[in-house]
Amino acid sequence: MASVLLQKQAVPFVKQRPDIRPGFTVRVHERIQEGGKERIQVFEGLVINVHKGAFPTDCTITVRRIVSGVGVEKIFSLHSPQVEKIMVKKVAKVRRAKLFFLRGRRGKSARLSERFTTADEFSIAAAQSEKNEVEEVQEEKETKADDKKE
């Protein structure tokens, strides 16, 4: 009962993310810290699993890609501060919620047919989220400039 009440409350630190589903090819921009430096590393691959937890912040995705003939999978928490942004590149037509069968396939048998959308809503949503991010950065710069003036 308590978990249901917690779910309905607005969580302020939940980031706006596109609605990611299995079959999407995504680019995940992740912050990596090496020593004292911080950089952004991009991991591009196919979403084979989406796990929706009990709370809005518990959502994770499993992204798989092939690197020099070896399959590499990474699990990303959608609302982690390490995940900078997620961009949807392609949308494939799938009929399953989990695409684990792709682990045993290579070459042409591992391909998924692309799903065509009339409105291309995923790129529109990505463009809107990028626009919002740019506006937030500009607002932060303005507030910092105002703080320095005072």
C-alpha atoms as a PDB file:
ATOM      1  CA  MET A   1       0.000   0.000   0.000  1.00  0.00           C
ATOM      2  CA  ALA A   2       2.813   2.399   0.894  1.00  0.00           C
ATOM      3  CA  SER A   3       4.645   1.709  -2.375  1.00  0.00           C
ATOM      4  CA  VAL A   4       1.523   2.618  -4.350  1.00  0.00           C
ATOM      5  CA  LEU A   5       1.317   5.931  -2.524  1.00  0.00           C
ATOM      6  CA  LEU A   6       4.991   6.627  -3.200  1.00  0.00           C
ATOM      7  CA  GLN A   7       4.555   5.891  -6.907  1.00  0.00           C
ATOM      8  CA  LYS A   8       1.816   8.468  -7.322  1.00  0.00           C
ATOM      9  CA  GLN A   9       3.882  11.260  -5.808  1.00  0.00           C
ATOM     10  CA  ALA A  10       5.917  13.410  -8.173  1.00  0.00           C
ATOM     11  CA  VAL A  11       9.611  12.604  -7.931  1.00  0.00           C
ATOM     12  CA  PRO A  12      11.634  15.775  -8.635  1.00  0.00           C
ATOM     13  CA  PHE A  13      14.873  14.107  -9.786  1.00  0.00           C
ATOM     14  CA  VAL A  14      13.312  11.875 -12.454  1.00  0.00           C
ATOM     15  CA  LYS A  15      14.691  12.861 -15.850  1.00  0.00           C
ATOM     16  CA  GLN A  16      12.544  13.131 -18.948  1.00  0.00           C
ATOM     17  CA  ARG A  17      13.515  10.256 -21.244  1.00  0.00           C
ATOM     18  CA  PRO A  18      12.002   9.059 -24.514  1.00  0.00           C
ATOM     19  CA  ASP A  19       9.713   6.044 -24.223  1.00  0.00           C
ATOM     20  CA  ILE A  20      12.298   3.323 -24.898  1.00  0.00           C
ATOM     21  CA  ARG A  21      11.167  -0.139 -25.951  1.00  0.00           C
ATOM     22  CA  PRO A  22      12.871  -3.354 -27.077  1.00  0.00           C
ATOM     23  CA  GLY A  23      13.927  -3.147 -30.713  1.00  0.00           C
ATOM     24  CA  PHE A  24      15.112   0.454 -30.532  1.00  0.00           C
ATOM     25  CA  THR A  25      18.658   1.225 -31.585  1.00  0.00           C
ATOM     26  CA  VAL A  26      19.858   3.857 -29.136  1.00  0.00           C
ATOM     27  CA  ARG A  27      22.926   5.946 -28.402  1.00  0.00           C
ATOM     28  CA  VAL A  28      23.545   6.269 -24.667  1.00  0.00           C
ATOM     29  CA  HIS A  29      25.847   9.123 -23.624  1.00  0.00           C
ATOM     30  CA  GLU A  30      27.434   8.075 -20.338  1.00  0.00           C
ATOM     31  CA  ARG A  31      29.733  10.062 -18.033  1.00  0.00           C
ATOM     32  CA  ILE A  32      33.009   8.285 -17.291  1.00  0.00           C
ATOM     33  CA  GLN A  33      35.436   9.431 -14.594  1.00  0.00           C
ATOM     34  CA  GLU A  34      39.090   8.564 -15.109  1.00  0.00           C
ATOM     35  CA  GLY A  35      41.293   9.925 -12.397  1.00  0.00           C
ATOM     36  CA  GLY A  36      40.359  13.568 -11.920  1.00  0.00           C
ATOM     37  CA  LYS A  37      38.931  13.994 -15.415  1.00  0.00           C
ATOM     38  CA  GLU A  38      35.402  13.393 -16.622  1.00  0.00           C
ATOM     39  CA  ARG A  39      34.362  12.609 -20.187  1.00  0.00           C
ATOM     40  CA  ILE A  40      31.323  11.423 -22.148  1.00  0.00           C
ATOM     41  CA  GLN A  41      31.428   7.956 -23.712  1.00  0.00           C
ATOM     42  CA  VAL A  42      28.819   6.901 -26.277  1.00  0.00           C
ATOM     43  CA  PHE A  43      27.479   3.327 -26.326  1.00  0.00           C
ATOM     44  CA  GLU A  44      25.305   2.548 -29.361  1.00  0.00           C
ATOM     45  CA  GLY A  45      23.359  -0.668 -29.644  1.00  0.00           C
ATOM     46  CA  LEU A  46      20.043  -2.497 -29.700  1.00  0.00           C
ATOM     47  CA  VAL A  47      17.737  -2.454 -26.675  1.00  0.00           C
ATOM     48  CA  ILE A  48      17.006  -6.103 -25.882  1.00  0.00           C
ATOM     49  CA  ASN A  49      15.406  -5.678 -22.466  1.00  0.00           C
ATOM     50  CA  VAL A  50      13.493  -2.982 -20.603  1.00  0.00           C
ATOM     51  CA  HIS A  51      12.986  -3.492 -16.890  1.00  0.00           C
ATOM     52  CA  LYS A  52      10.418  -1.289 -15.205  1.00  0.00           C
ATOM     53  CA  GLY A  53      10.824  -1.356 -11.453  1.00  0.00           C
ATOM     54  CA  ALA A  54       8.419  -0.658  -8.637  1.00  0.00           C
ATOM     55  CA  PHE A  55       9.353   3.020  -8.558  1.00  0.00           C
ATOM     56  CA  PRO A  56       9.795   5.436 -11.470  1.00  0.00           C
ATOM     57  CA  THR A  57      13.522   5.657 -10.762  1.00  0.00           C
ATOM     58  CA  ASP A  58      14.118   1.894 -10.965  1.00  0.00           C
ATOM     59  CA  CYS A  59      13.865   1.601 -14.768  1.00  0.00           C
ATOM     60  CA  THR A  60      16.800  -0.038 -16.551  1.00  0.00           C
ATOM     61  CA  ILE A  61      17.550  -0.984 -20.152  1.00  0.00           C
ATOM     62  CA  THR A  62      19.921  -3.606 -21.527  1.00  0.00           C
ATOM     63  CA  VAL A  63      21.737  -2.474 -24.661  1.00  0.00           C
ATOM     64  CA  ARG A  64      23.623  -4.957 -26.868  1.00  0.00           C
ATOM     65  CA  ARG A  65      26.143  -4.345 -29.599  1.00  0.00           C
ATOM     66  CA  ILE A  66      28.728  -6.385 -31.483  1.00  0.00           C
ATOM     67  CA  VAL A  67      32.360  -5.292 -31.112  1.00  0.00           C
ATOM     68  CA  SER A  68      34.868  -7.090 -33.380  1.00  0.00           C
ATOM     69  CA  GLY A  69      32.733 -10.240 -33.445  1.00  0.00           C
ATOM     70  CA  VAL A  70      32.017 -10.335 -29.709  1.00  0.00           C
ATOM     71  CA  GLY A  71      28.648  -9.364 -28.244  1.00  0.00           C
ATOM     72  CA  VAL A  72      28.813  -6.724 -25.500  1.00  0.00           C
ATOM     73  CA  GLU A  73      25.842  -5.928 -23.279  1.00  0.00           C
ATOM     74  CA  LYS A  74      25.525  -3.068 -20.856  1.00  0.00           C
ATOM     75  CA  ILE A  75      22.750  -2.318 -18.389  1.00  0.00           C
ATOM     76  CA  PHE A  76      21.908   1.360 -17.908  1.00  0.00           C
ATOM     77  CA  SER A  77      19.740   2.871 -15.224  1.00  0.00           C
ATOM     78  CA  LEU A  78      17.545   5.383 -17.060  1.00  0.00           C
ATOM     79  CA  HIS A  79      17.546   7.983 -14.302  1.00  0.00           C
ATOM     80  CA  SER A  80      21.164   7.653 -13.230  1.00  0.00           C
ATOM     81  CA  PRO A  81      23.179  10.871 -13.058  1.00  0.00           C
ATOM     82  CA  GLN A  82      25.901   9.045 -15.045  1.00  0.00           C
ATOM     83  CA  VAL A  83      23.601   8.790 -18.081  1.00  0.00           C
ATOM     84  CA  GLU A  84      23.782  12.165 -19.804  1.00  0.00           C
ATOM     85  CA  LYS A  85      21.273  11.558 -22.604  1.00  0.00           C
ATOM     86  CA  ILE A  86      19.683   8.810 -24.689  1.00  0.00           C
ATOM     87  CA  MET A  87      19.002   9.239 -28.396  1.00  0.00           C
ATOM     88  CA  VAL A  88      16.798   6.900 -30.424  1.00  0.00           C
ATOM     89  CA  LYS A  89      18.436   6.178 -33.796  1.00  0.00           C
ATOM     90  CA  LYS A  90      16.233   3.449 -35.323  1.00  0.00           C
ATOM     91  CA  VAL A  91      13.032   1.645 -34.452  1.00  0.00           C
ATOM     92  CA  ALA A  92      12.651  -2.026 -35.377  1.00  0.00           C
ATOM     93  CA  LYS A  93       9.457  -4.041 -35.604  1.00  0.00           C
ATOM     94  CA  VAL A  94       9.464  -6.668 -32.843  1.00  0.00           C
ATOM     95  CA  ARG A  95       6.831  -8.964 -31.417  1.00  0.00           C
ATOM     96  CA  ARG A  96       8.460  -9.816 -28.112  1.00  0.00           C
ATOM     97  CA  ALA A  97       9.139  -7.947 -24.886  1.00  0.00           C
ATOM     98  CA  LYS A  98      12.583  -9.515 -24.402  1.00  0.00           C
ATOM     99  CA  LEU A  99      14.950 -10.039 -27.334  1.00  0.00           C
ATOM    100  CA  PHE A 100      17.333 -12.482 -25.671  1.00  0.00           C
ATOM    101  CA  PHE A 101      17.101 -14.826 -28.683  1.00  0.00           C
ATOM    102  CA  LEU A 102      19.410 -12.414 -30.539  1.00  0.00           C
ATOM    103  CA  ARG A 103      22.305 -13.494 -28.316  1.00  0.00           C
ATOM    104  CA  GLY A 104      22.645 -16.765 -30.210  1.00  0.00           C
ATOM    105  CA  ARG A 105      22.362 -15.236 -33.690  1.00  0.00           C
ATOM    106  CA  ARG A 106      25.005 -13.796 -35.992  1.00  0.00           C
ATOM    107  CA  GLY A 107      24.939 -11.941 -39.291  1.00  0.00           C
ATOM    108  CA  LYS A 108      21.728 -11.698 -41.291  1.00  0.00           C
ATOM    109  CA  SER A 109      19.691 -13.806 -38.874  1.00  0.00           C
ATOM    110  CA  ALA A 110      20.353 -11.223 -36.152  1.00  0.00           C
ATOM    111  CA  ARG A 111      18.833  -8.375 -38.181  1.00  0.00           C
ATOM    112  CA  LEU A 112      15.468  -6.861 -37.339  1.00  0.00           C
ATOM    113  CA  SER A 113      13.179  -5.235 -39.883  1.00  0.00           C
ATOM    114  CA  GLU A 114      12.782  -1.503 -39.475  1.00  0.00           C
ATOM    115  CA  ARG A 115       9.439  -0.030 -38.478  1.00  0.00           C
ATOM    116  CA  PHE A 116       8.414   3.057 -40.376  1.00  0.00           C
ATOM    117  CA  THR A 117       6.332   5.686 -38.626  1.00  0.00           C
ATOM    118  CA  THR A 118       4.415   8.413 -40.396  1.00  0.00           C
ATOM    119  CA  ALA A 119       5.098  11.183 -37.887  1.00  0.00           C
ATOM    120  CA  ASP A 120       8.572  10.002 -36.860  1.00  0.00           C
ATOM    121  CA  GLU A 121       7.569  10.785 -33.284  1.00  0.00           C
ATOM    122  CA  PHE A 122      10.814   9.521 -31.807  1.00  0.00           C
ATOM    123  CA  SER A 123      13.044  12.052 -33.538  1.00  0.00           C
ATOM    124  CA  ILE A 124      10.521  14.787 -32.737  1.00  0.00           C
ATOM    125  CA  ALA A 125      10.583  13.839 -29.053  1.00  0.00           C
ATOM    126  CA  ALA A 126      14.391  13.719 -29.100  1.00  0.00           C
ATOM    127  CA  ALA A 127      14.551  17.176 -30.700  1.00  0.00           C
ATOM    128  CA  GLN A 128      12.165  18.557 -28.074  1.00  0.00           C
ATOM    129  CA  SER A 129      14.200  17.077 -25.214  1.00  0.00           C
ATOM    130  CA  GLU A 130      17.424  18.514 -26.678  1.00  0.00           C
ATOM    131  CA  LYS A 131      15.727  21.910 -26.989  1.00  0.00           C
ATOM    132  CA  ASN A 132      14.657  21.718 -23.336  1.00  0.00           C
ATOM    133  CA  GLU A 133      18.219  20.792 -22.301  1.00  0.00           C
ATOM    134  CA  VAL A 134      19.638  23.784 -24.196  1.00  0.00           C
ATOM    135  CA  GLU A 135      17.115  26.095 -22.540  1.00  0.00           C
ATOM    136  CA  GLU A 136      18.020  24.723 -19.099  1.00  0.00           C
ATOM    137  CA  VAL A 137      21.741  25.285 -19.741  1.00  0.00           C
ATOM    138  CA  GLN A 138      21.052  28.858 -20.871  1.00  0.00           C
ATOM    139  CA  GLU A 139      18.994  29.512 -17.747  1.00  0.00           C
ATOM    140  CA  GLU A 140      21.813  28.145 -15.572  1.00  0.00           C
ATOM    141  CA  LYS A 141      24.318  30.432 -17.306  1.00  0.00           C
ATOM    142  CA  GLU A 142      22.027  33.422 -16.781  1.00  0.00           C
ATOM    143  CA  THR A 143      21.583  32.663 -13.079  1.00  0.00           C
ATOM    144  CA  LYS A 144      25.347  32.258 -12.641  1.00  0.00           C
ATOM    145  CA  ALA A 145      25.912  35.583 -14.406  1.00  0.00           C
ATOM    146  CA  ASP A 146      23.312  37.251 -12.169  1.00  0.00           C
ATOM    147  CA  ASP A 147      24.986  35.771  -9.080  1.00  0.00           C
ATOM    148  CA  LYS A 148      28.372  37.144 -10.177  1.00  0.00           C
ATOM    149  CA  LYS A 149      26.913  40.625 -10.742  1.00  0.00           C
ATOM    150  CA  GLU A 150      25.531  40.723  -7.202  1.00  0.00           C
END
